[in-house]
Every structure is written in structure tokens, then in C-alpha cells.
Amino acid sequence: MEGYRQEKVQKFEEFVDRRLKPDLVRAISERDKVFEQQKIFSDLRRNIENLEENSVTSLRTLVNLGSEVYMQADVPDTQRIFVDIGLGFHVEFTWSE
């Protein structure tokens, strides 16, 4: 009877190690990606609210060109913004949108 229990316990441990642990790692990774996207959108919302509250119509900023290389940019009209929606596509929005 004890041998049967040990065998069952070993099968459950193998199942946990082979199936459940990799699934957990994958789920945590996907969750972290969602949290990062939420933070990006939250930052965007806060920035838009700051522009609206301060009635900013133009601004000078730094733009990340990639690989942490930045360039200074002048934005003559801040009434419209472009949002990266993925796969290299950007959509133009007004602040309220």
C-alpha cells in the first residue's frame, strides 16, 4: 500500500514539474506584459491630462529612436497624438479619444 502511495505521489510531482510549472512561468510572463501595457497607457493618460490642464499647445521633447538613442523633437500642435497600436501601426487620436 505504501509503495502505491509513493508511486502516486511521484506521478503527481512529475506532472507538476513537467506541466504546471512551465504553464505558471508562461502565465506570469504574459501577466507581466499586460501590467507593462497598463503602465504605458496610464502614463499616456497622465501626460494627456497634464497637457490639457496646462493648456499646452506645443512642446519640445526627446524621442527614443531605438536602442536608447534619443533625438530632440519639436511638436508644433499637441491637439492630436499618435498611438502605437502594434505591428508598426500608429493611429491618430484627439486628446478625448
PDB file of N, CA and C in Angstrom:
ATOM      1  N   MET A   1       0.820  -1.193   0.000  1.00  0.00           N
ATOM      2  CA  MET A   1       0.000   0.000   0.000  1.00  0.00           C
ATOM      3  C   MET A   1       0.867   1.261   0.000  1.00  0.00           C
ATOM      4  N   GLU A   2       1.962   1.237   0.792  1.00  0.00           N
ATOM      5  CA  GLU A   2       2.854   2.398   0.855  1.00  0.00           C
ATOM      6  C   GLU A   2       3.547   2.623  -0.489  1.00  0.00           C
ATOM      7  N   GLY A   3       3.902   1.556  -1.173  1.00  0.00           N
ATOM      8  CA  GLY A   3       4.525   1.664  -2.495  1.00  0.00           C
ATOM      9  C   GLY A   3       3.579   2.311  -3.495  1.00  0.00           C
ATOM     10  N   TYR A   4       2.305   1.997  -3.404  1.00  0.00           N
ATOM     11  CA  TYR A   4       1.295   2.581  -4.288  1.00  0.00           C
ATOM     12  C   TYR A   4       1.203   4.088  -4.048  1.00  0.00           C
ATOM     13  N   ARG A   5       1.209   4.510  -2.792  1.00  0.00           N
ATOM     14  CA  ARG A   5       1.147   5.945  -2.465  1.00  0.00           C
ATOM     15  C   ARG A   5       2.382   6.677  -2.997  1.00  0.00           C
ATOM     16  N   GLN A   6       3.539   6.086  -2.785  1.00  0.00           N
ATOM     17  CA  GLN A   6       4.778   6.694  -3.261  1.00  0.00           C
ATOM     18  C   GLN A   6       4.741   6.852  -4.782  1.00  0.00           C
ATOM     19  N   GLU A   7       4.226   5.848  -5.466  1.00  0.00           N
ATOM     20  CA  GLU A   7       4.121   5.902  -6.921  1.00  0.00           C
ATOM     21  C   GLU A   7       3.186   7.020  -7.352  1.00  0.00           C
ATOM     22  N   LYS A   8       2.042   7.146  -6.674  1.00  0.00           N
ATOM     23  CA  LYS A   8       1.078   8.205  -6.990  1.00  0.00           C
ATOM     24  C   LYS A   8       1.685   9.584  -6.736  1.00  0.00           C
ATOM     25  N   VAL A   9       2.362   9.720  -5.595  1.00  0.00           N
ATOM     26  CA  VAL A   9       2.995  10.994  -5.255  1.00  0.00           C
ATOM     27  C   VAL A   9       4.034  11.352  -6.306  1.00  0.00           C
ATOM     28  N   GLN A  10       4.813  10.380  -6.728  1.00  0.00           N
ATOM     29  CA  GLN A  10       5.839  10.626  -7.731  1.00  0.00           C
ATOM     30  C   GLN A  10       5.205  11.063  -9.056  1.00  0.00           C
ATOM     31  N   LYS A  11       4.094  10.436  -9.450  1.00  0.00           N
ATOM     32  CA  LYS A  11       3.410  10.821 -10.689  1.00  0.00           C
ATOM     33  C   LYS A  11       2.885  12.258 -10.596  1.00  0.00           C
ATOM     34  N   PHE A  12       2.328  12.621  -9.434  1.00  0.00           N
ATOM     35  CA  PHE A  12       1.835  13.981  -9.261  1.00  0.00           C
ATOM     36  C   PHE A  12       2.981  14.993  -9.300  1.00  0.00           C
ATOM     37  N   GLU A  13       4.096  14.668  -8.682  1.00  0.00           N
ATOM     38  CA  GLU A  13       5.258  15.555  -8.695  1.00  0.00           C
ATOM     39  C   GLU A  13       5.787  15.729 -10.114  1.00  0.00           C
ATOM     40  N   GLU A  14       5.833  14.659 -10.879  1.00  0.00           N
ATOM     41  CA  GLU A  14       6.275  14.742 -12.270  1.00  0.00           C
ATOM     42  C   GLU A  14       5.326  15.602 -13.087  1.00  0.00           C
ATOM     43  N   PHE A  15       4.019  15.441 -12.850  1.00  0.00           N
ATOM     44  CA  PHE A  15       3.024  16.249 -13.560  1.00  0.00           C
ATOM     45  C   PHE A  15       3.205  17.735 -13.227  1.00  0.00           C
ATOM     46  N   VAL A  16       3.414  18.019 -11.951  1.00  0.00           N
ATOM     47  CA  VAL A  16       3.623  19.409 -11.534  1.00  0.00           C
ATOM     48  C   VAL A  16       4.875  19.973 -12.195  1.00  0.00           C
ATOM     49  N   ASP A  17       5.965  19.201 -12.179  1.00  0.00           N
ATOM     50  CA  ASP A  17       7.229  19.683 -12.741  1.00  0.00           C
ATOM     51  C   ASP A  17       7.181  19.831 -14.258  1.00  0.00           C
ATOM     52  N   ARG A  18       6.559  18.888 -14.939  1.00  0.00           N
ATOM     53  CA  ARG A  18       6.548  18.894 -16.412  1.00  0.00           C
ATOM     54  C   ARG A  18       5.488  19.808 -17.004  1.00  0.00           C
ATOM     55  N   ARG A  19       4.349  19.891 -16.368  1.00  0.00           N
ATOM     56  CA  ARG A  19       3.220  20.606 -16.959  1.00  0.00           C
ATOM     57  C   ARG A  19       2.869  21.909 -16.246  1.00  0.00           C
ATOM     58  N   LEU A  20       2.656  21.845 -14.950  1.00  0.00           N
ATOM     59  CA  LEU A  20       2.135  23.001 -14.241  1.00  0.00           C
ATOM     60  C   LEU A  20       3.166  24.117 -14.051  1.00  0.00           C
ATOM     61  N   LYS A  21       4.393  23.771 -13.716  1.00  0.00           N
ATOM     62  CA  LYS A  21       5.408  24.800 -13.511  1.00  0.00           C
ATOM     63  C   LYS A  21       5.705  25.588 -14.789  1.00  0.00           C
ATOM     64  N   PRO A  22       5.892  24.938 -15.954  1.00  0.00           N
ATOM     65  CA  PRO A  22       6.088  25.722 -17.184  1.00  0.00           C
ATOM     66  C   PRO A  22       4.861  26.587 -17.525  1.00  0.00           C
ATOM     67  N   ASP A  23       3.656  26.050 -17.275  1.00  0.00           N
ATOM     68  CA  ASP A  23       2.454  26.844 -17.516  1.00  0.00           C
ATOM     69  C   ASP A  23       2.421  28.068 -16.608  1.00  0.00           C
ATOM     70  N   LEU A  24       2.828  27.906 -15.369  1.00  0.00           N
ATOM     71  CA  LEU A  24       2.862  29.015 -14.424  1.00  0.00           C
ATOM     72  C   LEU A  24       3.865  30.075 -14.870  1.00  0.00           C
ATOM     73  N   VAL A  25       5.035  29.653 -15.304  1.00  0.00           N
ATOM     74  CA  VAL A  25       6.056  30.592 -15.778  1.00  0.00           C
ATOM     75  C   VAL A  25       5.529  31.375 -16.971  1.00  0.00           C
ATOM     76  N   ARG A  26       4.879  30.697 -17.906  1.00  0.00           N
ATOM     77  CA  ARG A  26       4.312  31.343 -19.090  1.00  0.00           C
ATOM     78  C   ARG A  26       3.206  32.326 -18.701  1.00  0.00           C
ATOM     79  N   ALA A  27       2.337  31.939 -17.777  1.00  0.00           N
ATOM     80  CA  ALA A  27       1.240  32.803 -17.337  1.00  0.00           C
ATOM     81  C   ALA A  27       1.783  34.052 -16.632  1.00  0.00           C
ATOM     82  N   ILE A  28       2.810  33.891 -15.821  1.00  0.00           N
ATOM     83  CA  ILE A  28       3.407  35.041 -15.133  1.00  0.00           C
ATOM     84  C   ILE A  28       4.039  35.989 -16.148  1.00  0.00           C
ATOM     85  N   SER A  29       4.674  35.444 -17.159  1.00  0.00           N
ATOM     86  CA  SER A  29       5.277  36.273 -18.203  1.00  0.00           C
ATOM     87  C   SER A  29       4.213  37.069 -18.956  1.00  0.00           C
ATOM     88  N   GLU A  30       3.126  36.421 -19.311  1.00  0.00           N
ATOM     89  CA  GLU A  30       2.038  37.112 -20.007  1.00  0.00           C
ATOM     90  C   GLU A  30       1.408  38.170 -19.112  1.00  0.00           C
ATOM     91  N   ARG A  31       1.254  37.858 -17.818  1.00  0.00           N
ATOM     92  CA  ARG A  31       0.709  38.832 -16.871  1.00  0.00           C
ATOM     93  C   ARG A  31       1.596  40.059 -16.791  1.00  0.00           C
ATOM     94  N   ASP A  32       2.907  39.850 -16.747  1.00  0.00           N
ATOM     95  CA  ASP A  32       3.839  40.965 -16.663  1.00  0.00           C
ATOM     96  C   ASP A  32       3.750  41.849 -17.904  1.00  0.00           C
ATOM     97  N   LYS A  33       3.544  41.239 -19.076  1.00  0.00           N
ATOM     98  CA  LYS A  33       3.383  42.023 -20.306  1.00  0.00           C
ATOM     99  C   LYS A  33       2.132  42.893 -20.223  1.00  0.00           C
ATOM    100  N   VAL A  34       1.050  42.338 -19.714  1.00  0.00           N
ATOM    101  CA  VAL A  34      -0.194  43.098 -19.563  1.00  0.00           C
ATOM    102  C   VAL A  34       0.005  44.252 -18.587  1.00  0.00           C
ATOM    103  N   PHE A  35       0.688  43.999 -17.467  1.00  0.00           N
ATOM    104  CA  PHE A  35       0.960  45.056 -16.493  1.00  0.00           C
ATOM    105  C   PHE A  35       1.792  46.170 -17.123  1.00  0.00           C
ATOM    106  N   GLU A  36       2.764  45.813 -17.939  1.00  0.00           N
ATOM    107  CA  GLU A  36       3.601  46.812 -18.597  1.00  0.00           C
ATOM    108  C   GLU A  36       2.772  47.657 -19.557  1.00  0.00           C
ATOM    109  N   GLN A  37       1.872  47.017 -20.311  1.00  0.00           N
ATOM    110  CA  GLN A  37       0.994  47.764 -21.217  1.00  0.00           C
ATOM    111  C   GLN A  37       0.070  48.685 -20.438  1.00  0.00           C
ATOM    112  N   GLN A  38      -0.456  48.231 -19.321  1.00  0.00           N
ATOM    113  CA  GLN A  38      -1.310  49.077 -18.487  1.00  0.00           C
ATOM    114  C   GLN A  38      -0.534  50.289 -17.986  1.00  0.00           C
ATOM    115  N   LYS A  39       0.712  50.088 -17.607  1.00  0.00           N
ATOM    116  CA  LYS A  39       1.533  51.205 -17.129  1.00  0.00           C
ATOM    117  C   LYS A  39       1.760  52.213 -18.244  1.00  0.00           C
ATOM    118  N   ILE A  40       2.022  51.734 -19.454  1.00  0.00           N
ATOM    119  CA  ILE A  40       2.245  52.628 -20.591  1.00  0.00           C
ATOM    120  C   ILE A  40       1.001  53.465 -20.855  1.00  0.00           C
ATOM    121  N   PHE A  41      -0.171  52.835 -20.860  1.00  0.00           N
ATOM    122  CA  PHE A  41      -1.406  53.575 -21.112  1.00  0.00           C
ATOM    123  C   PHE A  41      -1.731  54.521 -19.967  1.00  0.00           C
ATOM    124  N   SER A  42      -1.424  54.129 -18.747  1.00  0.00           N
ATOM    125  CA  SER A  42      -1.628  55.005 -17.597  1.00  0.00           C
ATOM    126  C   SER A  42      -0.737  56.241 -17.700  1.00  0.00           C
ATOM    127  N   ASP A  43       0.524  56.037 -18.092  1.00  0.00           N
ATOM    128  CA  ASP A  43       1.437  57.169 -18.286  1.00  0.00           C
ATOM    129  C   ASP A  43       0.943  58.084 -19.398  1.00  0.00           C
ATOM    130  N   LEU A  44       0.449  57.501 -20.478  1.00  0.00           N
ATOM    131  CA  LEU A  44      -0.086  58.286 -21.587  1.00  0.00           C
ATOM    132  C   LEU A  44      -1.269  59.129 -21.122  1.00  0.00           C
ATOM    133  N   ARG A  45      -2.173  58.520 -20.364  1.00  0.00           N
ATOM    134  CA  ARG A  45      -3.337  59.251 -19.856  1.00  0.00           C
ATOM    135  C   ARG A  45      -2.892  60.416 -18.963  1.00  0.00           C
ATOM    136  N   ARG A  46      -1.931  60.158 -18.080  1.00  0.00           N
ATOM    137  CA  ARG A  46      -1.445  61.204 -17.180  1.00  0.00           C
ATOM    138  C   ARG A  46      -0.807  62.342 -17.972  1.00  0.00           C
ATOM    139  N   ASN A  47      -0.033  62.010 -19.000  1.00  0.00           N
ATOM    140  CA  ASN A  47       0.598  63.035 -19.829  1.00  0.00           C
ATOM    141  C   ASN A  47      -0.442  63.869 -20.572  1.00  0.00           C
ATOM    142  N   ILE A  48      -1.462  63.219 -21.103  1.00  0.00           N
ATOM    143  CA  ILE A  48      -2.527  63.950 -21.803  1.00  0.00           C
ATOM    144  C   ILE A  48      -3.260  64.869 -20.831  1.00  0.00           C
ATOM    145  N   GLU A  49      -3.563  64.376 -19.636  1.00  0.00           N
ATOM    146  CA  GLU A  49      -4.230  65.207 -18.631  1.00  0.00           C
ATOM    147  C   GLU A  49      -3.377  66.416 -18.265  1.00  0.00           C
ATOM    148  N   ASN A  50      -2.068  66.224 -18.160  1.00  0.00           N
ATOM    149  CA  ASN A  50      -1.165  67.350 -17.871  1.00  0.00           C
ATOM    150  C   ASN A  50      -1.180  68.365 -19.007  1.00  0.00           C
ATOM    151  N   LEU A  51      -1.191  67.892 -20.249  1.00  0.00           N
ATOM    152  CA  LEU A  51      -1.255  68.807 -21.393  1.00  0.00           C
ATOM    153  C   LEU A  51      -2.554  69.612 -21.363  1.00  0.00           C
ATOM    154  N   GLU A  52      -3.667  68.941 -21.068  1.00  0.00           N
ATOM    155  CA  GLU A  52      -4.960  69.622 -21.022  1.00  0.00           C
ATOM    156  C   GLU A  52      -5.020  70.636 -19.883  1.00  0.00           C
ATOM    157  N   GLU A  53      -4.583  70.231 -18.687  1.00  0.00           N
ATOM    158  CA  GLU A  53      -4.643  71.107 -17.512  1.00  0.00           C
ATOM    159  C   GLU A  53      -3.790  72.356 -17.691  1.00  0.00           C
ATOM    160  N   ASN A  54      -2.656  72.207 -18.331  1.00  0.00           N
ATOM    161  CA  ASN A  54      -1.733  73.328 -18.502  1.00  0.00           C
ATOM    162  C   ASN A  54      -1.914  74.052 -19.829  1.00  0.00           C
ATOM    163  N   SER A  55      -2.905  73.660 -20.609  1.00  0.00           N
ATOM    164  CA  SER A  55      -3.210  74.283 -21.911  1.00  0.00           C
ATOM    165  C   SER A  55      -1.970  74.370 -22.805  1.00  0.00           C
ATOM    166  N   VAL A  56      -1.250  73.269 -22.884  1.00  0.00           N
ATOM    167  CA  VAL A  56      -0.041  73.217 -23.704  1.00  0.00           C
ATOM    168  C   VAL A  56      -0.446  73.005 -25.160  1.00  0.00           C
ATOM    169  N   THR A  57       0.008  73.899 -26.036  1.00  0.00           N
ATOM    170  CA  THR A  57      -0.326  73.768 -27.461  1.00  0.00           C
ATOM    171  C   THR A  57       0.869  73.321 -28.291  1.00  0.00           C
ATOM    172  N   SER A  58       2.076  73.481 -27.764  1.00  0.00           N
ATOM    173  CA  SER A  58       3.281  72.995 -28.437  1.00  0.00           C
ATOM    174  C   SER A  58       4.285  72.608 -27.356  1.00  0.00           C
ATOM    175  N   LEU A  59       5.230  71.756 -27.747  1.00  0.00           N
ATOM    176  CA  LEU A  59       6.231  71.348 -26.768  1.00  0.00           C
ATOM    177  C   LEU A  59       7.484  70.850 -27.455  1.00  0.00           C
ATOM    178  N   ARG A  60       8.551  70.805 -26.658  1.00  0.00           N
ATOM    179  CA  ARG A  60       9.832  70.253 -27.100  1.00  0.00           C
ATOM    180  C   ARG A  60      10.102  69.046 -26.219  1.00  0.00           C
ATOM    181  N   THR A  61      10.487  67.929 -26.833  1.00  0.00           N
ATOM    182  CA  THR A  61      10.666  66.684 -26.086  1.00  0.00           C
ATOM    183  C   THR A  61      11.791  65.857 -26.688  1.00  0.00           C
ATOM    184  N   LEU A  62      12.128  64.772 -26.020  1.00  0.00           N
ATOM    185  CA  LEU A  62      13.092  63.807 -26.547  1.00  0.00           C
ATOM    186  C   LEU A  62      12.337  62.581 -27.029  1.00  0.00           C
ATOM    187  N   VAL A  63      12.716  62.071 -28.182  1.00  0.00           N
ATOM    188  CA  VAL A  63      12.076  60.908 -28.777  1.00  0.00           C
ATOM    189  C   VAL A  63      13.098  59.779 -28.858  1.00  0.00           C
ATOM    190  N   ASN A  64      12.707  58.591 -28.391  1.00  0.00           N
ATOM    191  CA  ASN A  64      13.577  57.428 -28.452  1.00  0.00           C
ATOM    192  C   ASN A  64      13.558  56.872 -29.872  1.00  0.00           C
ATOM    193  N   LEU A  65      14.708  56.884 -30.525  1.00  0.00           N
ATOM    194  CA  LEU A  65      14.814  56.359 -31.884  1.00  0.00           C
ATOM    195  C   LEU A  65      15.056  54.856 -31.909  1.00  0.00           C
ATOM    196  N   GLY A  66      15.316  54.283 -30.760  1.00  0.00           N
ATOM    197  CA  GLY A  66      15.628  52.864 -30.653  1.00  0.00           C
ATOM    198  C   GLY A  66      17.010  52.683 -30.079  1.00  0.00           C
ATOM    199  N   SER A  67      17.206  51.560 -29.415  1.00  0.00           N
ATOM    200  CA  SER A  67      18.499  51.252 -28.787  1.00  0.00           C
ATOM    201  C   SER A  67      18.936  52.371 -27.849  1.00  0.00           C
ATOM    202  N   GLU A  68      17.968  52.993 -27.198  1.00  0.00           N
ATOM    203  CA  GLU A  68      18.217  54.069 -26.235  1.00  0.00           C
ATOM    204  C   GLU A  68      18.980  55.248 -26.848  1.00  0.00           C
ATOM    205  N   VAL A  69      18.722  55.518 -28.125  1.00  0.00           N
ATOM    206  CA  VAL A  69      19.255  56.693 -28.807  1.00  0.00           C
ATOM    207  C   VAL A  69      18.110  57.691 -28.910  1.00  0.00           C
ATOM    208  N   TYR A  70      18.334  58.916 -28.402  1.00  0.00           N
ATOM    209  CA  TYR A  70      17.277  59.920 -28.342  1.00  0.00           C
ATOM    210  C   TYR A  70      17.597  61.095 -29.254  1.00  0.00           C
ATOM    211  N   MET A  71      16.521  61.753 -29.684  1.00  0.00           N
ATOM    212  CA  MET A  71      16.639  62.915 -30.545  1.00  0.00           C
ATOM    213  C   MET A  71      15.659  63.960 -30.037  1.00  0.00           C
ATOM    214  N   GLN A  72      16.049  65.217 -30.116  1.00  0.00           N
ATOM    215  CA  GLN A  72      15.158  66.288 -29.694  1.00  0.00           C
ATOM    216  C   GLN A  72      14.107  66.520 -30.783  1.00  0.00           C
ATOM    217  N   ALA A  73      12.856  66.723 -30.347  1.00  0.00           N
ATOM    218  CA  ALA A  73      11.771  66.928 -31.304  1.00  0.00           C
ATOM    219  C   ALA A  73      10.909  68.100 -30.860  1.00  0.00           C
ATOM    220  N   ASP A  74      10.457  68.877 -31.838  1.00  0.00           N
ATOM    221  CA  ASP A  74       9.514  69.969 -31.583  1.00  0.00           C
ATOM    222  C   ASP A  74       8.147  69.529 -32.061  1.00  0.00           C
ATOM    223  N   VAL A  75       7.147  69.677 -31.203  1.00  0.00           N
ATOM    224  CA  VAL A  75       5.765  69.337 -31.553  1.00  0.00           C
ATOM    225  C   VAL A  75       5.004  70.653 -31.639  1.00  0.00           C
ATOM    226  N   PRO A  76       4.690  71.122 -32.879  1.00  0.00           N
ATOM    227  CA  PRO A  76       4.043  72.428 -33.010  1.00  0.00           C
ATOM    228  C   PRO A  76       2.573  72.429 -32.578  1.00  0.00           C
ATOM    229  N   ASP A  77       1.892  71.277 -32.684  1.00  0.00           N
ATOM    230  CA  ASP A  77       0.479  71.200 -32.320  1.00  0.00           C
ATOM    231  C   ASP A  77       0.250  69.924 -31.524  1.00  0.00           C
ATOM    232  N   THR A  78      -0.126  70.070 -30.259  1.00  0.00           N
ATOM    233  CA  THR A  78      -0.308  68.908 -29.392  1.00  0.00           C
ATOM    234  C   THR A  78      -1.759  68.449 -29.326  1.00  0.00           C
ATOM    235  N   GLN A  79      -2.619  68.982 -30.154  1.00  0.00           N
ATOM    236  CA  GLN A  79      -4.038  68.631 -30.091  1.00  0.00           C
ATOM    237  C   GLN A  79      -4.310  67.212 -30.577  1.00  0.00           C
ATOM    238  N   ARG A  80      -3.409  66.662 -31.341  1.00  0.00           N
ATOM    239  CA  ARG A  80      -3.564  65.288 -31.826  1.00  0.00           C
ATOM    240  C   ARG A  80      -2.318  64.494 -31.435  1.00  0.00           C
ATOM    241  N   ILE A  81      -2.534  63.212 -31.108  1.00  0.00           N
ATOM    242  CA  ILE A  81      -1.425  62.337 -30.741  1.00  0.00           C
ATOM    243  C   ILE A  81      -1.483  61.071 -31.594  1.00  0.00           C
ATOM    244  N   PHE A  82      -0.339  60.452 -31.767  1.00  0.00           N
ATOM    245  CA  PHE A  82      -0.266  59.182 -32.475  1.00  0.00           C
ATOM    246  C   PHE A  82       0.066  58.091 -31.463  1.00  0.00           C
ATOM    247  N   VAL A  83      -0.724  57.026 -31.473  1.00  0.00           N
ATOM    248  CA  VAL A  83      -0.553  55.929 -30.529  1.00  0.00           C
ATOM    249  C   VAL A  83      -0.133  54.679 -31.296  1.00  0.00           C
ATOM    250  N   ASP A  84       0.948  54.063 -30.842  1.00  0.00           N
ATOM    251  CA  ASP A  84       1.434  52.808 -31.428  1.00  0.00           C
ATOM    252  C   ASP A  84       0.493  51.687 -31.001  1.00  0.00           C
ATOM    253  N   ILE A  85      -0.205  51.077 -31.965  1.00  0.00           N
ATOM    254  CA  ILE A  85      -1.152  50.007 -31.642  1.00  0.00           C
ATOM    255  C   ILE A  85      -0.584  48.626 -31.945  1.00  0.00           C
ATOM    256  N   GLY A  86       0.685  48.569 -32.313  1.00  0.00           N
ATOM    257  CA  GLY A  86       1.342  47.291 -32.554  1.00  0.00           C
ATOM    258  C   GLY A  86       1.549  47.004 -34.024  1.00  0.00           C
ATOM    259  N   LEU A  87       2.451  46.096 -34.297  1.00  0.00           N
ATOM    260  CA  LEU A  87       2.785  45.656 -35.645  1.00  0.00           C
ATOM    261  C   LEU A  87       3.203  46.812 -36.553  1.00  0.00           C
ATOM    262  N   GLY A  88       3.751  47.865 -35.957  1.00  0.00           N
ATOM    263  CA  GLY A  88       4.222  49.005 -36.734  1.00  0.00           C
ATOM    264  C   GLY A  88       3.136  49.977 -37.140  1.00  0.00           C
ATOM    265  N   PHE A  89       1.926  49.835 -36.635  1.00  0.00           N
ATOM    266  CA  PHE A  89       0.829  50.731 -36.973  1.00  0.00           C
ATOM    267  C   PHE A  89       0.631  51.771 -35.881  1.00  0.00           C
ATOM    268  N   HIS A  90       0.337  53.004 -36.316  1.00  0.00           N
ATOM    269  CA  HIS A  90       0.061  54.114 -35.400  1.00  0.00           C
ATOM    270  C   HIS A  90      -1.286  54.710 -35.797  1.00  0.00           C
ATOM    271  N   VAL A  91      -2.060  55.089 -34.797  1.00  0.00           N
ATOM    272  CA  VAL A  91      -3.364  55.688 -35.036  1.00  0.00           C
ATOM    273  C   VAL A  91      -3.378  57.100 -34.465  1.00  0.00           C
ATOM    274  N   GLU A  92      -3.941  58.030 -35.230  1.00  0.00           N
ATOM    275  CA  GLU A  92      -4.035  59.411 -34.780  1.00  0.00           C
ATOM    276  C   GLU A  92      -5.294  59.591 -33.940  1.00  0.00           C
ATOM    277  N   PHE A  93      -5.144  60.209 -32.759  1.00  0.00           N
ATOM    278  CA  PHE A  93      -6.249  60.433 -31.854  1.00  0.00           C
ATOM    279  C   PHE A  93      -6.242  61.896 -31.393  1.00  0.00           C
ATOM    280  N   THR A  94      -7.436  62.354 -31.011  1.00  0.00           N
ATOM    281  CA  THR A  94      -7.508  63.616 -30.276  1.00  0.00           C
ATOM    282  C   THR A  94      -7.338  63.265 -28.806  1.00  0.00           C
ATOM    283  N   TRP A  95      -7.179  64.280 -27.943  1.00  0.00           N
ATOM    284  CA  TRP A  95      -6.997  64.002 -26.521  1.00  0.00           C
ATOM    285  C   TRP A  95      -8.174  63.236 -25.933  1.00  0.00           C
ATOM    286  N   SER A  96      -9.360  63.619 -26.318  1.00  0.00           N
ATOM    287  CA  SER A  96     -10.547  62.961 -25.717  1.00  0.00           C
ATOM    288  C   SER A  96     -10.690  61.519 -26.186  1.00  0.00           C
ATOM    289  N   GLU A  97     -10.271  61.243 -27.407  1.00  0.00           N
ATOM    290  CA  GLU A  97     -10.365  59.861 -27.903  1.00  0.00           C
ATOM    291  C   GLU A  97      -9.405  58.968 -27.136  1.00  0.00           C
TER     292      GLU A  97
END
